[in-house]
Protein backbone atom coordinates (compact mmCIF):
# COMPACT_ATOMS: atom_id res chain seq x y z
CA UNK A 1 0.50 16.24 -0.02
CA UNK A 2 0.37 13.24 -2.62
CA UNK A 3 3.82 12.56 -2.89
CA UNK A 4 3.77 8.99 -1.93
CA UNK A 5 -0.05 8.24 -3.40
CA UNK A 6 -0.22 9.79 -6.73
CA UNK A 7 0.52 7.13 -8.66
CA UNK A 8 -2.51 5.03 -6.90
CA UNK A 9 -4.88 8.05 -6.76
CA UNK A 10 -6.85 6.76 -9.91
CA UNK A 11 -6.90 3.29 -8.43
CA UNK A 12 -8.48 4.48 -5.27
CA UNK A 13 -10.95 6.28 -6.79
CA UNK A 14 -11.95 3.94 -9.52
CA UNK A 15 -15.52 3.81 -8.39
CA UNK A 16 -16.38 7.45 -8.90
CA UNK A 17 -18.69 8.18 -12.03
CA UNK A 18 -16.63 10.93 -13.23
CA UNK A 19 -18.39 10.51 -16.63
CA UNK A 20 -21.81 10.79 -14.91
CA UNK A 21 -20.48 14.03 -13.01
CA UNK A 22 -19.06 15.97 -16.24
CA UNK A 23 -22.38 15.42 -18.01
CA UNK A 24 -24.15 16.86 -15.09
CA UNK A 25 -21.74 19.62 -14.67
CA UNK A 26 -22.00 20.27 -18.48
CA UNK A 27 -25.63 20.49 -18.08
CA UNK A 28 -25.58 23.10 -15.16
CA UNK A 29 -23.41 25.32 -17.36
CA UNK A 30 -25.53 25.48 -20.51
CA UNK A 31 -28.27 26.27 -18.23
CA UNK A 32 -26.25 29.04 -16.55
CA UNK A 33 -23.54 30.19 -18.87
CA UNK A 34 -24.35 33.69 -20.71
CA UNK A 35 -21.04 33.87 -22.62
CA UNK A 36 -21.08 32.29 -25.63
CA UNK A 37 -17.29 30.99 -25.75
CA UNK A 38 -16.02 27.80 -24.77
CA UNK A 39 -13.12 27.55 -23.15
CA UNK A 40 -13.21 25.99 -19.74
CA UNK A 41 -10.35 25.92 -16.97
CA UNK A 42 -10.59 22.99 -14.13
CA UNK A 43 -8.98 24.25 -11.08
CA UNK A 44 -7.37 21.78 -8.42
CA UNK A 45 -7.84 19.41 -11.74
CA UNK A 46 -5.67 16.50 -9.88
CA UNK A 47 -4.98 13.72 -12.53
CA UNK A 48 -7.46 15.07 -14.87
CA UNK A 49 -10.28 12.26 -14.63
CA UNK A 50 -13.36 14.85 -15.37
CA UNK A 51 -11.33 16.49 -17.88
CA UNK A 52 -11.07 13.49 -19.69
CA UNK A 53 -14.62 13.96 -20.34
CA UNK A 54 -14.99 17.84 -20.48
CA UNK A 55 -12.12 18.23 -23.04
CA UNK A 56 -14.71 16.29 -25.29
CA UNK A 57 -17.10 19.20 -24.91
CA UNK A 58 -14.95 22.30 -24.37
CA UNK A 59 -11.50 23.76 -25.04
CA UNK A 60 -10.41 22.63 -21.78
CA UNK A 61 -7.16 23.78 -19.62
CA UNK A 62 -6.30 22.29 -16.06
CA UNK A 63 -4.56 23.70 -12.98
CA UNK A 64 -3.63 22.08 -9.93
CA UNK A 65 -0.63 22.79 -7.23
CA UNK A 66 0.72 19.09 -7.14
CA UNK A 67 3.44 18.22 -9.86
CA UNK A 68 2.75 14.71 -9.61
CA UNK A 69 -0.88 14.56 -10.13
CA UNK A 70 -0.70 16.88 -13.04
CA UNK A 71 2.48 14.64 -14.37
CA UNK A 72 -0.31 11.84 -14.66
CA UNK A 73 -2.79 14.39 -15.95
CA UNK A 74 -0.21 15.35 -18.74
CA UNK A 75 0.08 11.58 -19.89
CA UNK A 76 -3.50 11.04 -20.00
CA UNK A 77 -4.79 13.97 -21.96
CA UNK A 78 -1.39 14.98 -23.83
CA UNK A 79 -3.56 17.48 -25.99
CA UNK A 80 -4.72 19.69 -23.02
CA UNK A 81 -2.63 22.07 -21.30
CA UNK A 82 -1.94 21.99 -17.89
CA UNK A 83 -0.68 24.45 -15.42
CA UNK A 84 1.16 24.11 -11.98
CA UNK A 85 -0.22 26.91 -9.57
CA UNK A 86 -2.16 27.46 -6.10
CA UNK A 87 -5.66 28.00 -6.66
CA UNK A 88 -5.48 30.82 -3.94
CA UNK A 89 -2.69 32.70 -5.90
CA UNK A 90 -2.62 31.78 -9.68
CA UNK A 91 -2.90 34.45 -12.84
CA UNK A 92 -2.95 32.87 -16.26
CA UNK A 93 -3.29 36.16 -17.94
CA UNK A 94 -6.52 34.69 -19.81
CA UNK A 95 -10.20 34.54 -19.23
CA UNK A 96 -12.61 31.49 -19.81
CA UNK A 97 -16.10 30.86 -20.29
CA UNK A 98 -16.20 28.02 -17.50
CA UNK A 99 -14.32 27.67 -14.29
CA UNK A 100 -14.69 24.39 -12.41
CA UNK A 101 -13.36 23.81 -9.02
CA UNK A 102 -14.80 20.10 -8.17
CA UNK A 103 -14.40 16.77 -5.69
CA UNK A 104 -14.33 19.31 -2.79
CA UNK A 105 -11.03 20.57 -3.58
CA UNK A 106 -11.85 24.22 -2.22
CA UNK A 107 -11.99 22.61 0.99
CA UNK A 108 -7.98 22.89 0.73
CA UNK A 109 -8.10 26.35 0.83
CA UNK A 110 -8.45 25.68 4.86
CA UNK A 111 -8.95 29.29 6.14
CA UNK A 112 -11.82 31.96 5.26
CA UNK A 113 -9.12 34.30 4.07
CA UNK A 114 -7.59 31.74 1.46
CA UNK A 115 -11.37 30.75 0.44
CA UNK A 116 -11.82 34.33 -0.64
CA UNK A 117 -8.76 34.24 -2.19
CA UNK A 118 -9.51 31.01 -4.19
CA UNK A 119 -12.80 32.34 -5.20
CA UNK A 120 -11.47 35.78 -6.31
CA UNK A 121 -8.90 34.09 -9.10
CA UNK A 122 -11.50 31.86 -9.97
CA UNK A 123 -13.83 35.02 -10.71
CA UNK A 124 -11.20 36.98 -12.32
CA UNK A 125 -10.66 34.28 -14.57
CA UNK A 126 -14.07 34.13 -15.85
CA UNK A 127 -15.36 36.35 -19.05
CA UNK A 128 -18.48 38.39 -18.60
CA UNK A 129 -21.49 36.01 -18.31
CA UNK A 130 -19.22 32.90 -17.49
CA UNK A 131 -19.74 30.41 -14.70
CA UNK A 132 -18.12 28.86 -12.03
CA UNK A 133 -18.94 25.40 -10.90
CA UNK A 134 -17.82 24.96 -7.28
CA UNK A 135 -18.55 21.67 -5.33
CA UNK A 136 -17.51 22.41 -1.41
CA UNK A 137 -16.39 20.11 1.19
CA UNK A 138 -18.65 19.36 3.97
CA UNK A 139 -20.06 22.31 6.04
CA UNK A 140 -19.67 21.90 9.81
CA UNK A 141 -22.88 20.10 10.91
CA UNK A 142 -21.81 17.22 8.67
CA UNK A 143 -18.30 16.47 9.73
CA UNK A 144 -17.95 13.98 12.27
CA UNK A 145 -14.85 13.93 14.33
CA UNK A 146 -13.52 9.97 14.94
CA UNK A 147 -15.44 8.92 11.87
CA UNK A 148 -13.44 5.80 10.53
CA UNK A 149 -13.70 4.52 7.02
CA UNK A 150 -12.00 1.51 4.87
CA UNK A 151 -11.29 1.58 1.19
CA UNK A 152 -9.92 -1.48 -0.70
CA UNK A 153 -8.33 -1.69 -4.10
CA UNK A 154 -8.00 -5.85 -4.93
CA UNK A 155 -6.32 -6.00 -8.33
CA UNK A 156 -3.97 -8.94 -9.71
CA UNK A 157 -0.97 -7.16 -9.45
CA UNK A 158 -2.34 -3.92 -7.14
CA UNK A 159 -3.66 -4.35 -3.46
CA UNK A 160 -4.38 -1.25 -1.33
CA UNK A 161 -5.84 -0.85 1.87
CA UNK A 162 -6.66 2.69 2.64
CA UNK A 163 -8.04 3.62 6.50
CA UNK A 164 -9.41 7.27 7.19
CA UNK A 165 -9.64 8.34 11.02
CA UNK A 166 -11.25 12.08 11.17
CA UNK A 167 -10.27 14.70 13.72
CA UNK A 168 -10.84 18.37 13.42
CA UNK A 169 -9.17 21.25 15.05
CA UNK A 170 -11.48 24.15 14.94
CA UNK A 171 -13.02 25.30 11.79
CA UNK A 172 -10.53 22.33 10.18
CA UNK A 173 -11.27 18.75 9.24
CA UNK A 174 -8.29 16.31 9.41
CA UNK A 175 -8.53 13.41 7.81
CA UNK A 176 -5.53 11.07 8.75
CA UNK A 177 -5.14 8.45 6.21
CA UNK A 178 -2.90 4.83 6.79
CA UNK A 179 -1.95 3.22 3.57
CA UNK A 180 -1.11 -0.57 2.97
CA UNK A 181 -0.12 -1.03 -0.67
CA UNK A 182 1.22 -4.22 -2.16
CA UNK A 183 2.84 -4.61 -5.45
CA UNK A 184 4.74 -7.36 -6.78
CA UNK A 185 7.87 -5.64 -5.84
CA UNK A 186 7.06 -4.75 -2.39
CA UNK A 187 4.73 -4.24 0.62
CA UNK A 188 4.52 -0.62 1.81
CA UNK A 189 3.28 1.66 4.72
CA UNK A 190 2.87 4.78 5.18
CA UNK A 191 0.41 7.85 6.46
CA UNK A 192 -1.25 11.07 4.94
CA UNK A 193 -2.51 14.15 6.80
CA UNK A 194 -5.16 16.38 4.76
CA UNK A 195 -6.59 19.58 6.46
CA UNK A 196 -9.93 20.93 4.73
CA UNK A 197 -11.62 24.04 6.08
CA UNK A 198 -14.95 23.63 7.26
CA UNK A 199 -16.70 26.51 5.50
CA UNK A 200 -20.56 27.25 6.30
CA UNK A 201 -22.97 27.73 3.51
CA UNK A 202 -23.10 31.58 4.56
CA UNK A 203 -18.84 31.90 4.23
CA UNK A 204 -19.35 30.61 0.84
CA UNK A 205 -22.07 32.59 -0.39
CA UNK A 206 -20.38 35.50 0.73
CA UNK A 207 -17.07 34.99 -0.59
CA UNK A 208 -19.07 34.29 -3.90
CA UNK A 209 -20.85 37.47 -3.77
CA UNK A 210 -18.14 39.42 -2.53
CA UNK A 211 -16.40 38.76 -5.98
CA UNK A 212 -19.85 39.92 -7.72
CA UNK A 213 -20.95 36.57 -9.00
CA UNK A 214 -24.97 35.36 -9.26
CA UNK A 215 -25.08 32.38 -7.26
CA UNK A 216 -27.16 29.37 -7.70
CA UNK A 217 -27.00 26.80 -5.10
CA UNK A 218 -27.68 23.04 -5.75
CA UNK A 219 -28.41 21.01 -1.99
CA UNK A 220 -27.68 17.67 -3.67
CA UNK A 221 -24.82 18.46 -6.31
CA UNK A 222 -22.72 15.68 -7.86
CA UNK A 223 -22.22 13.54 -4.96
CA UNK A 224 -24.65 15.09 -2.02
CA UNK A 225 -21.74 17.69 -0.97
CA UNK A 226 -24.02 20.07 -2.90
CA UNK A 227 -23.04 22.41 -5.66
CA UNK A 228 -22.52 26.12 -6.37
CA UNK A 229 -22.89 27.42 -9.91
CA UNK A 230 -22.34 31.34 -9.80
CA UNK A 231 -22.18 33.25 -13.02
CA UNK A 232 -20.59 36.43 -13.72
CA UNK A 233 -22.58 39.41 -14.86
CA UNK A 234 -22.87 39.60 -18.44
CA UNK A 235 -21.57 43.09 -20.10
CA UNK A 236 -24.82 45.01 -21.08
């Protein structure tokens, strides 16, 4: 999905405050975690920007389905172990005290069936008393078809203009991106299409509870999209 844009992903999201978000996630983990270990898995970790900060606190690993994003993460964090895998169908044959899935990556599950599969995969990788921190994508009422946006990167040797137009097909939001990228060697134009499922609060809650997780919901979350903090029952 990021074949053409992986190299510029961090530049495009250069204003995102990963350090603040990681601190907030850490505070929530400390509040809700009941296991006493320190192992963390970041699912759909992308280029590892959250792990830059979380790996200073936790024995962290990352997983993503995009090999090019993972290559950037591995170069950035050579001490962290990364796995190539689908968040809806992975098995690392071990468990963690914390599993995170941030920046609305769960939307890429796209269908309700795959949403449940993704949460099941996360839940089975949790130790008893462990916690899942899950940042959702927009719910149906928050998404506006026809919405237009533009983001600009203006650096001495890198210029990017990214325009987005949103559409929808049923319960799937479609983000149509157009890029104009200028470097000293070339000017390129290309497009990307991202499809993310619009899951309701009820669907998210049900999927988490079906996986036998105790659910706490923060309506504000890290960037206004809400946040689920779900704890696996501790062994008694």
